[in-house]
Amino acid sequence: MPALKNATHEKFAHLIAESGDTATAAYAKINPKAKNPDGYASTLARRADINARIAEIREEVLTRSVLALTRKRELLRQMGEGIVPTKVINRANGVEEVYDKLAAIALDAKLAGEMDDRLKISQDNNLSLTFTVRDRESRTIDGEGVMDAVVIPDAEEGVLSLNDKVDIPHEPDPDSPGP
């Protein structure tokens, strides 16, 4: 169904379908100076074309709000491989992308049921913790490399890189003995 021709009716339908407003609240938002918002809202809410449009908008909202489990797992796979950032931060000087591979892998493991992070206490109220720790120097996880590649973008002109050596001038400490 195409959008309603009357813009007020279309907005009314969207407010009810998307935000869950009552008919009166939706009409009051559209026309706050209305003398009888209950009456106008009731009249609009009884119209067949508006009810059909509300139902259609609700269906669109439901279908776009549910992310399929397979899509979630695919996004987490891409985040775990460093293809997609796990977090994007908009800053005044540009966009910063964060690639938290470990968090993506942990979340994917939880979704798959591979990781149980619940605390287990035995009947006699003894607490038992078991840790599995890999060698600190190990670069493998289940036979695969921890990181296939680290990509560091070229620094812009005038920006220091990690390998640049910089002398930082400092004021002599007045409490220290002189040379």
C-alpha atoms as a PDB file:
ATOM      1  CA  MET A   1       0.000   0.000   0.000  1.00  0.00           C
ATOM      2  CA  PRO A   2       1.440   3.397  -0.888  1.00  0.00           C
ATOM      3  CA  ALA A   3       1.644   6.201   1.635  1.00  0.00           C
ATOM      4  CA  LEU A   4      -1.610   7.953   2.404  1.00  0.00           C
ATOM      5  CA  LYS A   5      -2.202  11.058   0.288  1.00  0.00           C
ATOM      6  CA  ASN A   6      -3.008  13.207   3.311  1.00  0.00           C
ATOM      7  CA  ALA A   7       0.292  13.896   5.121  1.00  0.00           C
ATOM      8  CA  THR A   8      -1.494  14.317   8.471  1.00  0.00           C
ATOM      9  CA  HIS A   9      -3.131  10.904   8.129  1.00  0.00           C
ATOM     10  CA  GLU A  10       0.216   9.325   7.166  1.00  0.00           C
ATOM     11  CA  LYS A  11       1.972  10.875  10.169  1.00  0.00           C
ATOM     12  CA  PHE A  12      -0.914   9.743  12.406  1.00  0.00           C
ATOM     13  CA  ALA A  13      -0.524   6.161  11.165  1.00  0.00           C
ATOM     14  CA  HIS A  14       3.250   6.240  11.683  1.00  0.00           C
ATOM     15  CA  LEU A  15       2.973   7.560  15.239  1.00  0.00           C
ATOM     16  CA  ILE A  16       0.555   4.813  16.203  1.00  0.00           C
ATOM     17  CA  ALA A  17       2.419   2.010  14.419  1.00  0.00           C
ATOM     18  CA  GLU A  18       6.031   2.905  15.209  1.00  0.00           C
ATOM     19  CA  SER A  19       5.960   4.571  18.604  1.00  0.00           C
ATOM     20  CA  GLY A  20       2.910   2.844  20.051  1.00  0.00           C
ATOM     21  CA  ASP A  21       1.096   6.096  20.797  1.00  0.00           C
ATOM     22  CA  THR A  22      -2.613   6.005  21.427  1.00  0.00           C
ATOM     23  CA  ALA A  23      -4.779   7.601  18.767  1.00  0.00           C
ATOM     24  CA  THR A  24      -5.355  10.652  20.974  1.00  0.00           C
ATOM     25  CA  ALA A  25      -1.654  11.058  21.809  1.00  0.00           C
ATOM     26  CA  ALA A  26      -0.701  10.694  18.144  1.00  0.00           C
ATOM     27  CA  TYR A  27      -3.218  13.311  17.047  1.00  0.00           C
ATOM     28  CA  ALA A  28      -2.134  15.666  19.848  1.00  0.00           C
ATOM     29  CA  LYS A  29       1.460  15.461  18.560  1.00  0.00           C
ATOM     30  CA  ILE A  30       0.358  16.239  15.014  1.00  0.00           C
ATOM     31  CA  ASN A  31      -1.991  19.052  15.938  1.00  0.00           C
ATOM     32  CA  PRO A  32      -1.238  20.270  19.491  1.00  0.00           C
ATOM     33  CA  LYS A  33      -3.687  23.189  19.225  1.00  0.00           C
ATOM     34  CA  ALA A  34      -6.702  20.986  18.361  1.00  0.00           C
ATOM     35  CA  LYS A  35      -9.730  21.777  20.527  1.00  0.00           C
ATOM     36  CA  ASN A  36     -11.002  18.187  20.543  1.00  0.00           C
ATOM     37  CA  PRO A  37      -8.096  15.764  19.891  1.00  0.00           C
ATOM     38  CA  ASP A  38     -10.115  12.800  21.231  1.00  0.00           C
ATOM     39  CA  GLY A  39     -12.872  13.306  18.671  1.00  0.00           C
ATOM     40  CA  TYR A  40     -10.542  13.825  15.710  1.00  0.00           C
ATOM     41  CA  ALA A  41      -8.358  10.890  16.757  1.00  0.00           C
ATOM     42  CA  SER A  42     -11.390   8.645  17.129  1.00  0.00           C
ATOM     43  CA  THR A  43     -12.634   9.604  13.670  1.00  0.00           C
ATOM     44  CA  LEU A  44      -9.265   8.896  12.066  1.00  0.00           C
ATOM     45  CA  ALA A  45      -8.779   5.633  13.991  1.00  0.00           C
ATOM     46  CA  ARG A  46     -12.067   4.265  12.569  1.00  0.00           C
ATOM     47  CA  ARG A  47     -11.105   4.843   8.924  1.00  0.00           C
ATOM     48  CA  ALA A  48     -10.357   1.647   7.020  1.00  0.00           C
ATOM     49  CA  ASP A  49      -7.553   3.140   4.909  1.00  0.00           C
ATOM     50  CA  ILE A  50      -5.745   4.438   8.001  1.00  0.00           C
ATOM     51  CA  ASN A  51      -6.133   1.121   9.835  1.00  0.00           C
ATOM     52  CA  ALA A  52      -4.751  -0.724   6.807  1.00  0.00           C
ATOM     53  CA  ARG A  53      -1.792   1.658   6.670  1.00  0.00           C
ATOM     54  CA  ILE A  54      -1.138   1.224  10.418  1.00  0.00           C
ATOM     55  CA  ALA A  55      -1.129  -2.562   9.974  1.00  0.00           C
ATOM     56  CA  GLU A  56       1.275  -2.289   7.043  1.00  0.00           C
ATOM     57  CA  ILE A  57       3.662  -0.011   8.926  1.00  0.00           C
ATOM     58  CA  ARG A  58       3.604  -2.344  11.961  1.00  0.00           C
ATOM     59  CA  GLU A  59       4.495  -5.268   9.695  1.00  0.00           C
ATOM     60  CA  GLU A  60       7.426  -3.297   8.235  1.00  0.00           C
ATOM     61  CA  VAL A  61       8.630  -2.398  11.729  1.00  0.00           C
ATOM     62  CA  LEU A  62       8.465  -6.016  12.877  1.00  0.00           C
ATOM     63  CA  THR A  63      10.347  -7.363   9.863  1.00  0.00           C
ATOM     64  CA  ARG A  64      13.139  -4.803  10.020  1.00  0.00           C
ATOM     65  CA  SER A  65      13.591  -5.009  13.787  1.00  0.00           C
ATOM     66  CA  VAL A  66      14.316  -8.734  13.933  1.00  0.00           C
ATOM     67  CA  LEU A  67      17.830  -9.699  12.979  1.00  0.00           C
ATOM     68  CA  ALA A  68      18.022 -13.372  12.098  1.00  0.00           C
ATOM     69  CA  LEU A  69      20.376 -15.513  14.155  1.00  0.00           C
ATOM     70  CA  THR A  70      22.324 -16.460  11.046  1.00  0.00           C
ATOM     71  CA  ARG A  71      22.876 -12.771  10.220  1.00  0.00           C
ATOM     72  CA  LYS A  72      24.023 -12.073  13.794  1.00  0.00           C
ATOM     73  CA  ARG A  73      26.492 -14.953  13.649  1.00  0.00           C
ATOM     74  CA  GLU A  74      27.776 -13.771  10.246  1.00  0.00           C
ATOM     75  CA  LEU A  75      28.360 -10.240  11.568  1.00  0.00           C
ATOM     76  CA  LEU A  76      30.158 -11.633  14.613  1.00  0.00           C
ATOM     77  CA  ARG A  77      32.308 -13.834  12.347  1.00  0.00           C
ATOM     78  CA  GLN A  78      33.306 -10.773  10.331  1.00  0.00           C
ATOM     79  CA  MET A  79      34.044  -8.835  13.530  1.00  0.00           C
ATOM     80  CA  GLY A  80      36.117 -11.731  14.878  1.00  0.00           C
ATOM     81  CA  GLU A  81      38.145 -11.783  11.680  1.00  0.00           C
ATOM     82  CA  GLY A  82      38.661  -8.015  11.767  1.00  0.00           C
ATOM     83  CA  ILE A  83      36.680  -7.331   8.596  1.00  0.00           C
ATOM     84  CA  VAL A  84      33.961  -5.283  10.319  1.00  0.00           C
ATOM     85  CA  PRO A  85      34.648  -2.976  13.291  1.00  0.00           C
ATOM     86  CA  THR A  86      33.016  -3.857  16.593  1.00  0.00           C
ATOM     87  CA  LYS A  87      32.596  -0.187  17.461  1.00  0.00           C
ATOM     88  CA  VAL A  88      32.588   3.040  15.469  1.00  0.00           C
ATOM     89  CA  ILE A  89      33.194   6.337  17.253  1.00  0.00           C
ATOM     90  CA  ASN A  90      32.476   9.664  15.555  1.00  0.00           C
ATOM     91  CA  ARG A  91      34.988  12.236  16.693  1.00  0.00           C
ATOM     92  CA  ALA A  92      35.505  15.851  15.696  1.00  0.00           C
ATOM     93  CA  ASN A  93      38.649  14.952  13.756  1.00  0.00           C
ATOM     94  CA  GLY A  94      37.156  11.889  12.027  1.00  0.00           C
ATOM     95  CA  VAL A  95      35.814   8.426  12.615  1.00  0.00           C
ATOM     96  CA  GLU A  96      37.595   5.933  14.874  1.00  0.00           C
ATOM     97  CA  GLU A  97      36.974   2.233  14.306  1.00  0.00           C
ATOM     98  CA  VAL A  98      37.596  -0.283  17.084  1.00  0.00           C
ATOM     99  CA  TYR A  99      38.258  -3.935  16.266  1.00  0.00           C
ATOM    100  CA  ASP A 100      37.693  -5.959  19.448  1.00  0.00           C
ATOM    101  CA  LYS A 101      38.141  -9.452  18.049  1.00  0.00           C
ATOM    102  CA  LEU A 102      38.125 -11.160  21.437  1.00  0.00           C
ATOM    103  CA  ALA A 103      34.754  -9.664  22.434  1.00  0.00           C
ATOM    104  CA  ALA A 104      33.230 -10.696  19.088  1.00  0.00           C
ATOM    105  CA  ILE A 105      34.549 -14.243  19.447  1.00  0.00           C
ATOM    106  CA  ALA A 106      33.285 -14.473  23.044  1.00  0.00           C
ATOM    107  CA  LEU A 107      29.819 -13.259  22.073  1.00  0.00           C
ATOM    108  CA  ASP A 108      29.688 -15.674  19.155  1.00  0.00           C
ATOM    109  CA  ALA A 109      30.672 -18.513  21.499  1.00  0.00           C
ATOM    110  CA  LYS A 110      27.852 -17.534  23.870  1.00  0.00           C
ATOM    111  CA  LEU A 111      25.332 -17.503  21.021  1.00  0.00           C
ATOM    112  CA  ALA A 112      26.551 -20.920  19.896  1.00  0.00           C
ATOM    113  CA  GLY A 113      26.253 -22.305  23.447  1.00  0.00           C
ATOM    114  CA  GLU A 114      29.978 -23.023  23.583  1.00  0.00           C
ATOM    115  CA  MET A 115      30.614 -20.847  26.593  1.00  0.00           C
ATOM    116  CA  ASP A 116      28.880 -21.256  29.915  1.00  0.00           C
ATOM    117  CA  ASP A 117      29.680 -18.324  32.168  1.00  0.00           C
ATOM    118  CA  ARG A 118      27.401 -19.277  35.038  1.00  0.00           C
ATOM    119  CA  LEU A 119      28.845 -19.841  38.494  1.00  0.00           C
ATOM    120  CA  LYS A 120      28.398 -23.408  39.752  1.00  0.00           C
ATOM    121  CA  ILE A 121      28.250 -24.108  43.470  1.00  0.00           C
ATOM    122  CA  SER A 122      28.115 -27.680  44.736  1.00  0.00           C
ATOM    123  CA  GLN A 123      25.582 -28.985  47.273  1.00  0.00           C
ATOM    124  CA  ASP A 124      27.986 -28.608  50.200  1.00  0.00           C
ATOM    125  CA  ASN A 125      28.468 -24.896  49.413  1.00  0.00           C
ATOM    126  CA  ASN A 126      32.081 -25.327  48.321  1.00  0.00           C
ATOM    127  CA  LEU A 127      33.228 -23.126  45.504  1.00  0.00           C
ATOM    128  CA  SER A 128      35.391 -24.750  42.870  1.00  0.00           C
ATOM    129  CA  LEU A 129      36.944 -22.773  40.052  1.00  0.00           C
ATOM    130  CA  THR A 130      38.720 -24.367  37.115  1.00  0.00           C
ATOM    131  CA  PHE A 131      40.877 -22.337  34.764  1.00  0.00           C
ATOM    132  CA  THR A 132      42.442 -23.402  31.509  1.00  0.00           C
ATOM    133  CA  VAL A 133      45.337 -21.168  30.627  1.00  0.00           C
ATOM    134  CA  ARG A 134      47.458 -21.400  27.503  1.00  0.00           C
ATOM    135  CA  ASP A 135      51.152 -20.703  27.463  1.00  0.00           C
ATOM    136  CA  ARG A 136      51.703 -16.951  27.395  1.00  0.00           C
ATOM    137  CA  GLU A 137      54.006 -17.235  24.388  1.00  0.00           C
ATOM    138  CA  SER A 138      51.527 -19.365  22.423  1.00  0.00           C
ATOM    139  CA  ARG A 139      50.296 -17.664  19.263  1.00  0.00           C
ATOM    140  CA  THR A 140      47.694 -20.290  18.440  1.00  0.00           C
ATOM    141  CA  ILE A 141      44.079 -20.796  19.351  1.00  0.00           C
ATOM    142  CA  ASP A 142      42.730 -24.150  18.200  1.00  0.00           C
ATOM    143  CA  GLY A 143      45.513 -24.424  15.659  1.00  0.00           C
ATOM    144  CA  GLU A 144      44.920 -21.067  13.994  1.00  0.00           C
ATOM    145  CA  GLY A 145      46.955 -17.892  14.272  1.00  0.00           C
ATOM    146  CA  VAL A 146      45.757 -15.393  16.829  1.00  0.00           C
ATOM    147  CA  MET A 147      46.042 -12.596  14.340  1.00  0.00           C
ATOM    148  CA  ASP A 148      46.440 -13.199  10.647  1.00  0.00           C
ATOM    149  CA  ALA A 149      47.541  -9.665   9.944  1.00  0.00           C
ATOM    150  CA  VAL A 150      47.600  -6.311  11.602  1.00  0.00           C
ATOM    151  CA  VAL A 151      46.843  -3.473   9.239  1.00  0.00           C
ATOM    152  CA  ILE A 152      48.128  -0.078  10.290  1.00  0.00           C
ATOM    153  CA  PRO A 153      47.064   2.688   7.922  1.00  0.00           C
ATOM    154  CA  ASP A 154      49.709   5.090   6.682  1.00  0.00           C
ATOM    155  CA  ALA A 155      49.992   8.132   8.876  1.00  0.00           C
ATOM    156  CA  GLU A 156      48.944  11.435   7.434  1.00  0.00           C
ATOM    157  CA  GLU A 157      51.639  13.971   6.715  1.00  0.00           C
ATOM    158  CA  GLY A 158      52.731  15.686   9.902  1.00  0.00           C
ATOM    159  CA  VAL A 159      51.405  12.891  12.119  1.00  0.00           C
ATOM    160  CA  LEU A 160      53.858  10.845  14.139  1.00  0.00           C
ATOM    161  CA  SER A 161      54.021   7.092  13.758  1.00  0.00           C
ATOM    162  CA  LEU A 162      54.927   4.522  16.396  1.00  0.00           C
ATOM    163  CA  ASN A 163      58.522   4.286  15.117  1.00  0.00           C
ATOM    164  CA  ASP A 164      59.247   8.032  15.236  1.00  0.00           C
ATOM    165  CA  LYS A 165      61.607   9.203  17.971  1.00  0.00           C
ATOM    166  CA  VAL A 166      60.664  12.447  19.620  1.00  0.00           C
ATOM    167  CA  ASP A 167      62.630  14.589  22.061  1.00  0.00           C
ATOM    168  CA  ILE A 168      60.276  16.077  24.591  1.00  0.00           C
ATOM    169  CA  PRO A 169      61.663  19.271  26.158  1.00  0.00           C
ATOM    170  CA  HIS A 170      61.031  19.671  29.835  1.00  0.00           C
ATOM    171  CA  GLU A 171      61.690  22.238  32.481  1.00  0.00           C
ATOM    172  CA  PRO A 172      64.415  21.367  34.973  1.00  0.00           C
ATOM    173  CA  ASP A 173      63.132  20.356  38.377  1.00  0.00           C
ATOM    174  CA  PRO A 174      63.775  23.309  40.773  1.00  0.00           C
ATOM    175  CA  ASP A 175      64.195  20.892  43.703  1.00  0.00           C
ATOM    176  CA  SER A 176      66.888  18.799  42.040  1.00  0.00           C
ATOM    177  CA  PRO A 177      70.562  19.679  42.452  1.00  0.00           C
ATOM    178  CA  GLY A 178      72.102  21.541  39.550  1.00  0.00           C
ATOM    179  CA  PRO A 179      74.722  20.163  37.113  1.00  0.00           C
END
